[in-house]
PDB file of N, CA and C in Angstrom:
ATOM      1  N   MET A   1     -55.721 -18.288  34.535  1.00  0.00           N
ATOM      2  CA  MET A   1     -55.522 -17.201  34.457  1.00  0.00           C
ATOM      3  C   MET A   1     -55.563 -16.044  34.178  1.00  0.00           C
ATOM      4  N   ASN A   2     -55.581 -15.173  34.046  1.00  0.00           N
ATOM      5  CA  ASN A   2     -56.319 -14.139  33.034  1.00  0.00           C
ATOM      6  C   ASN A   2     -55.183 -13.265  32.066  1.00  0.00           C
ATOM      7  N   THR A   3     -56.395 -12.361  31.705  1.00  0.00           N
ATOM      8  CA  THR A   3     -55.010 -11.611  30.316  1.00  0.00           C
ATOM      9  C   THR A   3     -54.070 -10.903  31.778  1.00  0.00           C
ATOM     10  N   TYR A   4     -54.243 -10.532  32.925  1.00  0.00           N
ATOM     11  CA  TYR A   4     -53.427  -9.608  33.158  1.00  0.00           C
ATOM     12  C   TYR A   4     -52.054 -10.771  33.731  1.00  0.00           C
ATOM     13  N   GLN A   5     -52.086 -11.778  34.199  1.00  0.00           N
ATOM     14  CA  GLN A   5     -51.212 -12.446  34.870  1.00  0.00           C
ATOM     15  C   GLN A   5     -50.502 -12.994  33.230  1.00  0.00           C
ATOM     16  N   ILE A   6     -51.245 -13.112  32.353  1.00  0.00           N
ATOM     17  CA  ILE A   6     -50.651 -13.909  30.811  1.00  0.00           C
ATOM     18  C   ILE A   6     -49.487 -12.621  30.460  1.00  0.00           C
ATOM     19  N   GLN A   7     -49.930 -11.387  31.028  1.00  0.00           N
ATOM     20  CA  GLN A   7     -48.822 -11.021  30.221  1.00  0.00           C
ATOM     21  C   GLN A   7     -48.022 -10.343  30.995  1.00  0.00           C
ATOM     22  N   ASP A   8     -48.224 -10.073  32.443  1.00  0.00           N
ATOM     23  CA  ASP A   8     -47.161 -10.152  33.418  1.00  0.00           C
ATOM     24  C   ASP A   8     -46.254 -11.538  33.103  1.00  0.00           C
ATOM     25  N   ALA A   9     -46.476 -12.159  33.136  1.00  0.00           N
ATOM     26  CA  ALA A   9     -45.826 -13.440  32.567  1.00  0.00           C
ATOM     27  C   ALA A   9     -44.807 -13.219  31.424  1.00  0.00           C
ATOM     28  N   ALA A  10     -45.027 -12.859  30.443  1.00  0.00           N
ATOM     29  CA  ALA A  10     -44.128 -12.286  29.211  1.00  0.00           C
ATOM     30  C   ALA A  10     -43.684 -11.641  29.778  1.00  0.00           C
ATOM     31  N   TRP A  11     -43.940  -9.618  29.866  1.00  0.00           N
ATOM     32  CA  TRP A  11     -43.002  -8.809  30.341  1.00  0.00           C
ATOM     33  C   TRP A  11     -42.146  -9.866  31.515  1.00  0.00           C
ATOM     34  N   ALA A  12     -41.705 -10.700  32.272  1.00  0.00           N
ATOM     35  CA  ALA A  12     -41.238 -10.800  33.244  1.00  0.00           C
ATOM     36  C   ALA A  12     -40.086 -11.731  32.204  1.00  0.00           C
ATOM     37  N   GLY A  13     -40.416 -12.623  31.288  1.00  0.00           N
ATOM     38  CA  GLY A  13     -40.019 -13.496  30.699  1.00  0.00           C
ATOM     39  C   GLY A  13     -39.071 -12.811  29.936  1.00  0.00           C
ATOM     40  N   TYR A  14     -39.523 -11.507  29.064  1.00  0.00           N
ATOM     41  CA  TYR A  14     -38.780 -10.710  28.193  1.00  0.00           C
ATOM     42  C   TYR A  14     -37.789  -9.810  29.147  1.00  0.00           C
ATOM     43  N   ARG A  15     -38.331  -9.385  30.243  1.00  0.00           N
ATOM     44  CA  ARG A  15     -37.223  -9.060  31.067  1.00  0.00           C
ATOM     45  C   ARG A  15     -35.790  -9.175  31.199  1.00  0.00           C
ATOM     46  N   TRP A  16     -36.192 -11.521  31.889  1.00  0.00           N
ATOM     47  CA  TRP A  16     -35.067 -11.751  32.159  1.00  0.00           C
ATOM     48  C   TRP A  16     -33.960 -11.911  30.653  1.00  0.00           C
ATOM     49  N   ALA A  17     -34.992 -12.083  29.838  1.00  0.00           N
ATOM     50  CA  ALA A  17     -34.052 -12.618  28.503  1.00  0.00           C
ATOM     51  C   ALA A  17     -33.106 -11.276  28.367  1.00  0.00           C
ATOM     52  N   TYR A  18     -33.828  -9.975  28.088  1.00  0.00           N
ATOM     53  CA  TYR A  18     -33.044  -9.207  28.064  1.00  0.00           C
ATOM     54  C   TYR A  18     -32.086  -8.548  28.794  1.00  0.00           C
ATOM     55  N   LYS A  19     -32.097  -9.098  29.869  1.00  0.00           N
ATOM     56  CA  LYS A  19     -30.618  -8.786  31.243  1.00  0.00           C
ATOM     57  C   LYS A  19     -29.913  -9.862  30.993  1.00  0.00           C
ATOM     58  N   ALA A  20     -30.387 -11.266  30.756  1.00  0.00           N
ATOM     59  CA  ALA A  20     -29.571 -12.099  30.541  1.00  0.00           C
ATOM     60  C   ALA A  20     -28.627 -11.898  28.758  1.00  0.00           C
ATOM     61  N   ILE A  21     -28.755 -11.347  27.871  1.00  0.00           N
ATOM     62  CA  ILE A  21     -28.501 -11.046  26.606  1.00  0.00           C
ATOM     63  C   ILE A  21     -27.218 -10.214  27.463  1.00  0.00           C
ATOM     64  N   ARG A  22     -27.858  -8.840  27.569  1.00  0.00           N
ATOM     65  CA  ARG A  22     -26.796  -7.591  28.228  1.00  0.00           C
ATOM     66  C   ARG A  22     -25.948  -7.972  28.843  1.00  0.00           C
ATOM     67  N   ARG A  23     -26.237  -9.019  29.650  1.00  0.00           N
ATOM     68  CA  ARG A  23     -25.171  -9.612  30.698  1.00  0.00           C
ATOM     69  C   ARG A  23     -23.986 -10.485  30.439  1.00  0.00           C
ATOM     70  N   ALA A  24     -24.399 -11.207  29.440  1.00  0.00           N
ATOM     71  CA  ALA A  24     -23.460 -11.942  28.664  1.00  0.00           C
ATOM     72  C   ALA A  24     -22.617 -11.096  27.800  1.00  0.00           C
ATOM     73  N   ILE A  25     -23.345 -10.224  27.246  1.00  0.00           N
ATOM     74  CA  ILE A  25     -22.542  -9.159  26.221  1.00  0.00           C
ATOM     75  C   ILE A  25     -21.541  -8.047  26.592  1.00  0.00           C
ATOM     76  N   LEU A  26     -21.789  -7.644  27.977  1.00  0.00           N
ATOM     77  CA  LEU A  26     -21.164  -7.232  28.791  1.00  0.00           C
ATOM     78  C   LEU A  26     -20.326  -8.104  29.242  1.00  0.00           C
ATOM     79  N   VAL A  27     -20.073  -9.314  29.907  1.00  0.00           N
ATOM     80  CA  VAL A  27     -18.907 -10.275  30.026  1.00  0.00           C
ATOM     81  C   VAL A  27     -18.143 -10.727  29.004  1.00  0.00           C
ATOM     82  N   ILE A  28     -18.410 -10.764  27.874  1.00  0.00           N
ATOM     83  CA  ILE A  28     -17.354 -11.538  27.032  1.00  0.00           C
ATOM     84  C   ILE A  28     -16.664  -9.665  26.863  1.00  0.00           C
ATOM     85  N   TRP A  29     -17.280  -8.499  26.490  1.00  0.00           N
ATOM     86  CA  TRP A  29     -16.551  -7.827  26.259  1.00  0.00           C
ATOM     87  C   TRP A  29     -15.666  -7.316  26.978  1.00  0.00           C
ATOM     88  N   GLY A  30     -15.646  -7.148  28.312  1.00  0.00           N
ATOM     89  CA  GLY A  30     -15.386  -7.180  29.398  1.00  0.00           C
ATOM     90  C   GLY A  30     -14.062  -8.552  29.574  1.00  0.00           C
ATOM     91  N   LEU A  31     -13.981  -9.382  29.138  1.00  0.00           N
ATOM     92  CA  LEU A  31     -12.484 -10.669  28.929  1.00  0.00           C
ATOM     93  C   LEU A  31     -12.059 -10.152  28.253  1.00  0.00           C
ATOM     94  N   VAL A  32     -12.709  -9.904  26.760  1.00  0.00           N
ATOM     95  CA  VAL A  32     -12.167  -9.472  25.535  1.00  0.00           C
ATOM     96  C   VAL A  32     -11.514  -8.535  25.610  1.00  0.00           C
ATOM     97  N   GLU A  33     -11.623  -7.211  26.077  1.00  0.00           N
ATOM     98  CA  GLU A  33     -10.873  -6.131  26.568  1.00  0.00           C
ATOM     99  C   GLU A  33      -9.959  -6.628  27.821  1.00  0.00           C
ATOM    100  N   PHE A  34     -10.119  -7.120  29.085  1.00  0.00           N
ATOM    101  CA  PHE A  34      -9.055  -7.917  29.467  1.00  0.00           C
ATOM    102  C   PHE A  34      -7.829  -8.333  29.364  1.00  0.00           C
ATOM    103  N   VAL A  35      -7.879  -8.914  28.263  1.00  0.00           N
ATOM    104  CA  VAL A  35      -7.253 -10.324  27.595  1.00  0.00           C
ATOM    105  C   VAL A  35      -6.109  -9.757  27.039  1.00  0.00           C
ATOM    106  N   LEU A  36      -6.323  -8.381  25.973  1.00  0.00           N
ATOM    107  CA  LEU A  36      -5.897  -7.457  25.257  1.00  0.00           C
ATOM    108  C   LEU A  36      -5.583  -6.625  26.248  1.00  0.00           C
ATOM    109  N   LEU A  37      -5.682  -5.880  26.662  1.00  0.00           N
ATOM    110  CA  LEU A  37      -4.883  -4.682  27.923  1.00  0.00           C
ATOM    111  C   LEU A  37      -3.789  -6.269  28.646  1.00  0.00           C
ATOM    112  N   LEU A  38      -3.981  -7.178  29.140  1.00  0.00           N
ATOM    113  CA  LEU A  38      -3.136  -8.210  29.417  1.00  0.00           C
ATOM    114  C   LEU A  38      -2.110  -8.503  28.416  1.00  0.00           C
ATOM    115  N   ARG A  39      -2.351  -8.476  26.973  1.00  0.00           N
ATOM    116  CA  ARG A  39      -1.046  -8.858  26.124  1.00  0.00           C
ATOM    117  C   ARG A  39      -0.344  -7.444  25.904  1.00  0.00           C
ATOM    118  N   LEU A  40      -1.070  -6.722  25.872  1.00  0.00           N
ATOM    119  CA  LEU A  40      -0.220  -5.297  25.808  1.00  0.00           C
ATOM    120  C   LEU A  40       0.962  -4.840  26.864  1.00  0.00           C
ATOM    121  N   MET A  41       0.068  -5.312  28.434  1.00  0.00           N
ATOM    122  CA  MET A  41       1.316  -5.189  29.032  1.00  0.00           C
ATOM    123  C   MET A  41       2.116  -6.076  29.368  1.00  0.00           C
ATOM    124  N   LEU A  42       2.147  -7.594  29.004  1.00  0.00           N
ATOM    125  CA  LEU A  42       2.944  -8.978  28.726  1.00  0.00           C
ATOM    126  C   LEU A  42       4.346  -7.963  27.621  1.00  0.00           C
ATOM    127  N   VAL A  43       3.474  -7.452  26.597  1.00  0.00           N
ATOM    128  CA  VAL A  43       4.599  -7.085  25.445  1.00  0.00           C
ATOM    129  C   VAL A  43       5.593  -5.922  25.920  1.00  0.00           C
ATOM    130  N   PHE A  44       4.468  -4.978  26.338  1.00  0.00           N
ATOM    131  CA  PHE A  44       5.466  -3.625  27.093  1.00  0.00           C
ATOM    132  C   PHE A  44       6.360  -4.194  28.155  1.00  0.00           C
ATOM    133  N   LEU A  45       6.622  -5.097  29.150  1.00  0.00           N
ATOM    134  CA  LEU A  45       7.580  -5.808  30.035  1.00  0.00           C
ATOM    135  C   LEU A  45       8.338  -7.008  29.326  1.00  0.00           C
ATOM    136  N   ARG A  46       7.869  -7.050  28.403  1.00  0.00           N
ATOM    137  CA  ARG A  46       9.049  -8.144  27.829  1.00  0.00           C
ATOM    138  C   ARG A  46       8.799  -9.359  27.850  1.00  0.00           C
ATOM    139  N   ALA A  47       7.662  -9.921  28.524  1.00  0.00           N
ATOM    140  CA  ALA A  47       7.547 -10.978  29.236  1.00  0.00           C
ATOM    141  C   ALA A  47       8.214 -12.472  28.197  1.00  0.00           C
ATOM    142  N   ASN A  48       8.309 -13.453  28.823  1.00  0.00           N
ATOM    143  CA  ASN A  48       8.979 -14.559  27.766  1.00  0.00           C
ATOM    144  C   ASN A  48       7.608 -15.330  27.244  1.00  0.00           C
ATOM    145  N   PRO A  49       8.080 -15.615  25.477  1.00  0.00           N
ATOM    146  CA  PRO A  49       6.678 -15.923  25.195  1.00  0.00           C
ATOM    147  C   PRO A  49       6.658 -17.343  25.414  1.00  0.00           C
ATOM    148  N   GLU A  50       7.957 -17.938  25.954  1.00  0.00           N
ATOM    149  CA  GLU A  50       7.922 -19.460  26.030  1.00  0.00           C
ATOM    150  C   GLU A  50       7.557 -19.691  27.235  1.00  0.00           C
ATOM    151  N   ALA A  51       7.112 -18.580  28.440  1.00  0.00           N
ATOM    152  CA  ALA A  51       6.167 -18.969  29.630  1.00  0.00           C
ATOM    153  C   ALA A  51       4.761 -19.738  29.501  1.00  0.00           C
ATOM    154  N   LEU A  52       4.387 -20.564  30.111  1.00  0.00           N
ATOM    155  CA  LEU A  52       2.626 -20.845  29.408  1.00  0.00           C
ATOM    156  C   LEU A  52       2.030 -19.952  29.716  1.00  0.00           C
ATOM    157  N   VAL A  53       2.055 -19.033  30.545  1.00  0.00           N
ATOM    158  CA  VAL A  53       0.768 -18.229  30.747  1.00  0.00           C
ATOM    159  C   VAL A  53       0.897 -17.225  29.127  1.00  0.00           C
ATOM    160  N   ALA A  54       2.016 -16.535  29.370  1.00  0.00           N
ATOM    161  CA  ALA A  54       2.421 -15.865  28.262  1.00  0.00           C
ATOM    162  C   ALA A  54       1.813 -16.112  26.586  1.00  0.00           C
ATOM    163  N   ARG A  55       2.574 -17.438  26.702  1.00  0.00           N
ATOM    164  CA  ARG A  55       2.192 -18.116  25.282  1.00  0.00           C
ATOM    165  C   ARG A  55       1.119 -18.059  25.133  1.00  0.00           C
ATOM    166  N   GLU A  56      -0.268 -18.727  26.112  1.00  0.00           N
ATOM    167  CA  GLU A  56      -1.489 -18.818  25.914  1.00  0.00           C
ATOM    168  C   GLU A  56      -2.177 -17.594  25.693  1.00  0.00           C
ATOM    169  N   ILE A  57      -1.662 -16.255  26.515  1.00  0.00           N
ATOM    170  CA  ILE A  57      -2.391 -15.460  25.950  1.00  0.00           C
ATOM    171  C   ILE A  57      -2.071 -14.714  24.440  1.00  0.00           C
ATOM    172  N   TYR A  58      -0.574 -14.891  24.118  1.00  0.00           N
ATOM    173  CA  TYR A  58      -0.169 -14.549  22.784  1.00  0.00           C
ATOM    174  C   TYR A  58      -1.424 -15.158  22.226  1.00  0.00           C
ATOM    175  N   ARG A  59      -1.249 -16.766  22.227  1.00  0.00           N
ATOM    176  CA  ARG A  59      -2.396 -17.304  21.383  1.00  0.00           C
ATOM    177  C   ARG A  59      -3.734 -17.451  21.088  1.00  0.00           C
ATOM    178  N   LEU A  60      -4.434 -16.597  22.293  1.00  0.00           N
ATOM    179  CA  LEU A  60      -5.642 -16.927  22.650  1.00  0.00           C
ATOM    180  C   LEU A  60      -5.943 -15.066  22.121  1.00  0.00           C
ATOM    181  N   THR A  61      -5.080 -14.725  21.894  1.00  0.00           N
ATOM    182  CA  THR A  61      -5.438 -12.585  21.776  1.00  0.00           C
ATOM    183  C   THR A  61      -4.817 -13.262  20.193  1.00  0.00           C
ATOM    184  N   ARG A  62      -4.294 -14.095  19.225  1.00  0.00           N
ATOM    185  CA  ARG A  62      -3.931 -13.558  17.527  1.00  0.00           C
ATOM    186  C   ARG A  62      -4.647 -13.708  17.395  1.00  0.00           C
ATOM    187  N   THR A  63      -5.968 -14.145  16.993  1.00  0.00           N
ATOM    188  CA  THR A  63      -7.206 -14.392  16.564  1.00  0.00           C
ATOM    189  C   THR A  63      -7.666 -13.412  16.682  1.00  0.00           C
ATOM    190  N   LEU A  64      -8.055 -12.301  18.080  1.00  0.00           N
ATOM    191  CA  LEU A  64      -8.719 -11.331  18.333  1.00  0.00           C
ATOM    192  C   LEU A  64      -7.814 -10.336  17.755  1.00  0.00           C
ATOM    193  N   LEU A  65      -6.687 -10.395  17.600  1.00  0.00           N
ATOM    194  CA  LEU A  65      -5.671  -9.003  16.900  1.00  0.00           C
ATOM    195  C   LEU A  65      -5.909  -8.636  15.188  1.00  0.00           C
ATOM    196  N   PHE A  66      -6.012 -10.289  14.346  1.00  0.00           N
ATOM    197  CA  PHE A  66      -5.352 -10.188  12.879  1.00  0.00           C
ATOM    198  C   PHE A  66      -6.920  -9.631  12.548  1.00  0.00           C
ATOM    199  N   PRO A  67      -7.794  -8.859  12.575  1.00  0.00           N
ATOM    200  CA  PRO A  67      -8.545  -7.402  11.543  1.00  0.00           C
ATOM    201  C   PRO A  67      -7.936  -6.752  11.937  1.00  0.00           C
ATOM    202  N   PHE A  68      -6.849  -6.452  12.710  1.00  0.00           N
ATOM    203  CA  PHE A  68      -5.837  -4.770  13.432  1.00  0.00           C
ATOM    204  C   PHE A  68      -4.729  -4.901  12.951  1.00  0.00           C
ATOM    205  N   GLN A  69      -4.378  -6.457  11.980  1.00  0.00           N
ATOM    206  CA  GLN A  69      -2.912  -5.868  11.708  1.00  0.00           C
ATOM    207  C   GLN A  69      -2.342  -5.341  11.234  1.00  0.00           C
ATOM    208  N   SER A  70      -2.743  -4.931   9.886  1.00  0.00           N
ATOM    209  CA  SER A  70      -1.916  -3.682   9.424  1.00  0.00           C
ATOM    210  C   SER A  70      -2.176  -2.578   9.618  1.00  0.00           C
ATOM    211  N   ILE A  71      -3.104  -2.437  10.800  1.00  0.00           N
ATOM    212  CA  ILE A  71      -3.843  -0.649  11.120  1.00  0.00           C
ATOM    213  C   ILE A  71      -2.508   0.004  11.183  1.00  0.00           C
ATOM    214  N   LEU A  72      -1.860  -0.032  12.654  1.00  0.00           N
ATOM    215  CA  LEU A  72      -0.530   0.662  12.943  1.00  0.00           C
ATOM    216  C   LEU A  72       0.561  -0.256  13.103  1.00  0.00           C
ATOM    217  N   PRO A  73       2.023   0.161  12.977  1.00  0.00           N
ATOM    218  CA  PRO A  73       2.939  -0.310  13.012  1.00  0.00           C
ATOM    219  C   PRO A  73       3.323  -0.722  14.612  1.00  0.00           C
ATOM    220  N   ASP A  74       3.817  -1.462  15.015  1.00  0.00           N
ATOM    221  CA  ASP A  74       4.681  -1.147  16.368  1.00  0.00           C
ATOM    222  C   ASP A  74       5.549   0.057  16.303  1.00  0.00           C
ATOM    223  N   TYR A  75       5.466   0.089  17.786  1.00  0.00           N
ATOM    224  CA  TYR A  75       6.323   1.041  18.227  1.00  0.00           C
ATOM    225  C   TYR A  75       7.157   0.699  19.047  1.00  0.00           C
ATOM    226  N   ILE A  76       8.332   1.592  19.339  1.00  0.00           N
ATOM    227  CA  ILE A  76       9.729   1.563  20.128  1.00  0.00           C
ATOM    228  C   ILE A  76       9.727   2.934  21.551  1.00  0.00           C
ATOM    229  N   TRP A  77       9.365   2.492  22.622  1.00  0.00           N
ATOM    230  CA  TRP A  77       9.556   3.784  23.357  1.00  0.00           C
ATOM    231  C   TRP A  77      10.601   3.330  24.791  1.00  0.00           C
ATOM    232  N   ARG A  78      11.153   4.065  24.471  1.00  0.00           N
ATOM    233  CA  ARG A  78      12.700   3.711  25.498  1.00  0.00           C
ATOM    234  C   ARG A  78      13.102   2.598  25.691  1.00  0.00           C
ATOM    235  N   ASP A  79      13.642   1.778  24.339  1.00  0.00           N
ATOM    236  CA  ASP A  79      13.889   0.771  24.141  1.00  0.00           C
ATOM    237  C   ASP A  79      12.656  -0.398  24.847  1.00  0.00           C
ATOM    238  N   ARG A  80      11.073  -0.121  25.018  1.00  0.00           N
ATOM    239  CA  ARG A  80      10.264  -1.149  25.174  1.00  0.00           C
ATOM    240  C   ARG A  80       9.550  -0.514  23.622  1.00  0.00           C
ATOM    241  N   PRO A  81       8.701  -2.048  23.636  1.00  0.00           N
ATOM    242  CA  PRO A  81       8.183  -2.294  22.800  1.00  0.00           C
ATOM    243  C   PRO A  81       6.915  -2.138  23.039  1.00  0.00           C
ATOM    244  N   ILE A  82       6.335  -1.259  22.108  1.00  0.00           N
ATOM    245  CA  ILE A  82       4.180  -0.869  22.485  1.00  0.00           C
ATOM    246  C   ILE A  82       3.463  -1.559  20.893  1.00  0.00           C
ATOM    247  N   GLU A  83       2.815  -2.633  21.455  1.00  0.00           N
ATOM    248  CA  GLU A  83       2.209  -3.100  20.755  1.00  0.00           C
ATOM    249  C   GLU A  83       1.106  -2.836  20.140  1.00  0.00           C
ATOM    250  N   LEU A  84       1.370  -1.362  18.406  1.00  0.00           N
ATOM    251  CA  LEU A  84       0.052  -0.051  18.488  1.00  0.00           C
ATOM    252  C   LEU A  84      -1.212  -1.225  18.261  1.00  0.00           C
ATOM    253  N   THR A  85      -0.799  -2.489  17.332  1.00  0.00           N
ATOM    254  CA  THR A  85      -2.068  -3.302  16.719  1.00  0.00           C
ATOM    255  C   THR A  85      -2.855  -3.912  17.710  1.00  0.00           C
ATOM    256  N   ALA A  86      -2.201  -4.039  19.377  1.00  0.00           N
ATOM    257  CA  ALA A  86      -2.820  -4.163  20.433  1.00  0.00           C
ATOM    258  C   ALA A  86      -3.869  -2.727  21.088  1.00  0.00           C
ATOM    259  N   VAL A  87      -3.304  -1.810  20.204  1.00  0.00           N
ATOM    260  CA  VAL A  87      -4.099  -0.485  21.216  1.00  0.00           C
ATOM    261  C   VAL A  87      -5.161  -0.287  19.854  1.00  0.00           C
ATOM    262  N   ALA A  88      -4.820  -0.564  18.858  1.00  0.00           N
ATOM    263  CA  ALA A  88      -5.987  -0.348  17.752  1.00  0.00           C
ATOM    264  C   ALA A  88      -7.293  -1.406  18.144  1.00  0.00           C
ATOM    265  N   ALA A  89      -6.751  -2.402  18.334  1.00  0.00           N
ATOM    266  CA  ALA A  89      -7.742  -3.718  18.676  1.00  0.00           C
ATOM    267  C   ALA A  89      -8.582  -3.463  19.707  1.00  0.00           C
ATOM    268  N   ILE A  90      -8.363  -3.067  21.377  1.00  0.00           N
ATOM    269  CA  ILE A  90      -8.259  -2.390  22.248  1.00  0.00           C
ATOM    270  C   ILE A  90      -9.481  -1.002  21.983  1.00  0.00           C
ATOM    271  N   ILE A  91      -9.397  -0.277  21.011  1.00  0.00           N
ATOM    272  CA  ILE A  91     -10.066   0.649  20.505  1.00  0.00           C
ATOM    273  C   ILE A  91     -11.087   0.022  19.765  1.00  0.00           C
ATOM    274  N   GLY A  92     -11.077  -0.629  18.599  1.00  0.00           N
ATOM    275  CA  GLY A  92     -11.878  -0.940  17.971  1.00  0.00           C
ATOM    276  C   GLY A  92     -13.085  -1.757  18.461  1.00  0.00           C
ATOM    277  N   TYR A  93     -12.125  -3.109  19.451  1.00  0.00           N
ATOM    278  CA  TYR A  93     -13.846  -3.822  20.295  1.00  0.00           C
ATOM    279  C   TYR A  93     -14.741  -2.324  21.052  1.00  0.00           C
ATOM    280  N   LEU A  94     -14.048  -1.515  21.730  1.00  0.00           N
ATOM    281  CA  LEU A  94     -14.999  -1.022  22.676  1.00  0.00           C
ATOM    282  C   LEU A  94     -15.932  -0.668  21.844  1.00  0.00           C
ATOM    283  N   ILE A  95     -15.749   0.585  20.198  1.00  0.00           N
ATOM    284  CA  ILE A  95     -16.638   1.331  19.744  1.00  0.00           C
ATOM    285  C   ILE A  95     -17.337  -0.170  19.235  1.00  0.00           C
ATOM    286  N   ALA A  96     -16.875  -1.747  18.814  1.00  0.00           N
ATOM    287  CA  ALA A  96     -17.659  -2.349  18.577  1.00  0.00           C
ATOM    288  C   ALA A  96     -19.086  -2.645  19.904  1.00  0.00           C
ATOM    289  N   GLY A  97     -18.192  -3.024  21.004  1.00  0.00           N
ATOM    290  CA  GLY A  97     -18.922  -2.757  22.377  1.00  0.00           C
ATOM    291  C   GLY A  97     -20.603  -2.254  22.401  1.00  0.00           C
ATOM    292  N   LEU A  98     -19.925  -1.385  21.863  1.00  0.00           N
ATOM    293  CA  LEU A  98     -20.606  -0.041  22.557  1.00  0.00           C
ATOM    294  C   LEU A  98     -21.670   0.068  21.050  1.00  0.00           C
ATOM    295  N   ALA A  99     -21.433   0.019  20.282  1.00  0.00           N
ATOM    296  CA  ALA A  99     -22.379  -0.126  18.983  1.00  0.00           C
ATOM    297  C   ALA A  99     -23.110  -1.670  19.440  1.00  0.00           C
ATOM    298  N   VAL A 100     -22.910  -2.659  19.958  1.00  0.00           N
ATOM    299  CA  VAL A 100     -23.934  -3.775  19.748  1.00  0.00           C
ATOM    300  C   VAL A 100     -24.612  -3.287  21.125  1.00  0.00           C
ATOM    301  N   LEU A 101     -24.631  -3.168  22.379  1.00  0.00           N
ATOM    302  CA  LEU A 101     -24.765  -2.670  23.439  1.00  0.00           C
ATOM    303  C   LEU A 101     -26.138  -1.322  22.978  1.00  0.00           C
ATOM    304  N   SER A 102     -25.499  -0.492  22.126  1.00  0.00           N
ATOM    305  CA  SER A 102     -26.305   0.503  21.953  1.00  0.00           C
ATOM    306  C   SER A 102     -27.574   0.038  20.600  1.00  0.00           C
ATOM    307  N   PHE A 103     -27.523  -1.245  19.780  1.00  0.00           N
ATOM    308  CA  PHE A 103     -28.392  -1.764  18.995  1.00  0.00           C
ATOM    309  C   PHE A 103     -29.468  -2.776  19.895  1.00  0.00           C
ATOM    310  N   LEU A 104     -28.951  -3.084  21.198  1.00  0.00           N
ATOM    311  CA  LEU A 104     -29.817  -4.350  22.196  1.00  0.00           C
ATOM    312  C   LEU A 104     -30.691  -3.642  22.541  1.00  0.00           C
ATOM    313  N   LYS A 105     -30.292  -1.724  22.781  1.00  0.00           N
ATOM    314  CA  LYS A 105     -31.076  -1.275  23.817  1.00  0.00           C
ATOM    315  C   LYS A 105     -32.789  -0.854  22.919  1.00  0.00           C
ATOM    316  N   LEU A 106     -32.113  -1.081  21.228  1.00  0.00           N
ATOM    317  CA  LEU A 106     -33.469  -0.860  20.861  1.00  0.00           C
ATOM    318  C   LEU A 106     -34.359  -1.626  21.047  1.00  0.00           C
ATOM    319  N   PHE A 107     -33.907  -2.590  21.566  1.00  0.00           N
ATOM    320  CA  PHE A 107     -34.753  -3.809  21.963  1.00  0.00           C
ATOM    321  C   PHE A 107     -35.818  -3.612  23.106  1.00  0.00           C
ATOM    322  N   HIS A 108     -34.854  -2.601  24.079  1.00  0.00           N
ATOM    323  CA  HIS A 108     -35.910  -2.282  25.585  1.00  0.00           C
ATOM    324  C   HIS A 108     -37.172  -1.808  25.587  1.00  0.00           C
ATOM    325  N   TRP A 109     -37.474  -2.575  25.740  1.00  0.00           N
ATOM    326  CA  TRP A 109     -39.118  -1.723  26.191  1.00  0.00           C
ATOM    327  C   TRP A 109     -39.258  -1.681  27.111  1.00  0.00           C
ATOM    328  N   GLU A 110     -39.959  -0.454  28.011  1.00  0.00           N
ATOM    329  CA  GLU A 110     -40.683  -0.222  29.045  1.00  0.00           C
ATOM    330  C   GLU A 110     -41.898  -0.873  29.505  1.00  0.00           C
ATOM    331  N   ARG A 111     -42.451  -1.966  30.383  1.00  0.00           N
ATOM    332  CA  ARG A 111     -44.266  -1.926  29.968  1.00  0.00           C
ATOM    333  C   ARG A 111     -44.815  -0.979  30.926  1.00  0.00           C
ATOM    334  N   ARG A 112     -45.724  -0.223  29.763  1.00  0.00           N
ATOM    335  CA  ARG A 112     -46.383   0.574  30.407  1.00  0.00           C
ATOM    336  C   ARG A 112     -47.886   0.031  31.118  1.00  0.00           C
ATOM    337  N   THR A 113     -47.414   0.420  32.292  1.00  0.00           N
ATOM    338  CA  THR A 113     -49.021  -0.499  33.610  1.00  0.00           C
ATOM    339  C   THR A 113     -50.257   0.308  33.165  1.00  0.00           C
ATOM    340  N   LEU A 114     -51.610  -0.446  32.183  1.00  0.00           N
ATOM    341  CA  LEU A 114     -52.452   0.123  32.628  1.00  0.00           C
ATOM    342  C   LEU A 114     -53.047   0.038  33.643  1.00  0.00           C
ATOM    343  N   PRO A 115     -54.370   0.868  33.942  1.00  0.00           N
ATOM    344  CA  PRO A 115     -55.553   0.748  35.195  1.00  0.00           C
ATOM    345  C   PRO A 115     -56.226  -0.771  34.893  1.00  0.00           C
ATOM    346  N   PRO A 116     -56.721  -1.257  35.369  1.00  0.00           N
ATOM    347  CA  PRO A 116     -57.198  -2.467  35.360  1.00  0.00           C
ATOM    348  C   PRO A 116     -58.642  -1.834  34.873  1.00  0.00           C
ATOM    349  N   PRO A 117     -59.412  -2.804  34.336  1.00  0.00           N
ATOM    350  CA  PRO A 117     -60.901  -2.410  33.716  1.00  0.00           C
ATOM    351  C   PRO A 117     -61.674  -1.902  34.718  1.00  0.00           C
ATOM    352  N   ILE A 118     -62.444  -0.843  34.701  1.00  0.00           N
ATOM    353  CA  ILE A 118     -63.817  -0.360  35.436  1.00  0.00           C
ATOM    354  C   ILE A 118     -64.726  -1.213  35.494  1.00  0.00           C
ATOM    355  N   GLN A 119     -65.187  -1.735  36.816  1.00  0.00           N
ATOM    356  CA  GLN A 119     -66.381  -2.941  37.052  1.00  0.00           C
ATOM    357  C   GLN A 119     -67.659  -2.449  37.464  1.00  0.00           C
ATOM    358  N   TYR A 120     -68.386  -2.653  36.268  1.00  0.00           N
ATOM    359  CA  TYR A 120     -69.246  -2.270  36.792  1.00  0.00           C
ATOM    360  C   TYR A 120     -70.670  -2.891  37.470  1.00  0.00           C
ATOM    361  N   ARG A 121     -71.058  -2.233  38.022  1.00  0.00           N
ATOM    362  CA  ARG A 121     -72.535  -3.150  38.707  1.00  0.00           C
ATOM    363  C   ARG A 121     -73.514  -3.151  38.465  1.00  0.00           C
TER     364      ARG A 121
END
């Protein structure tokens, strides 16, 4: 193997790792936002908290909502509860996800291809 093949392999590995990390962050971020929106909808529609699906979603999102517990109080709109803690968490995780993706972008380098060296006869 010559030097160019080694560099190509290294850059291919770097690109693969960057894309894998970015994809994992996007999937986790999307799942967190989806589950929080689902909780917000279940609370608004007054789902039975004893039902299996609602109970598991509430249990799962309880830890996600913990850092945002005392930011905003709950609000009642036309006899329907709106959990503003979940709204604050959605906004907070949106900002955190964008910050993480921006930080990750700092490590995204494009490879500059150099022409091969001139061969003199």
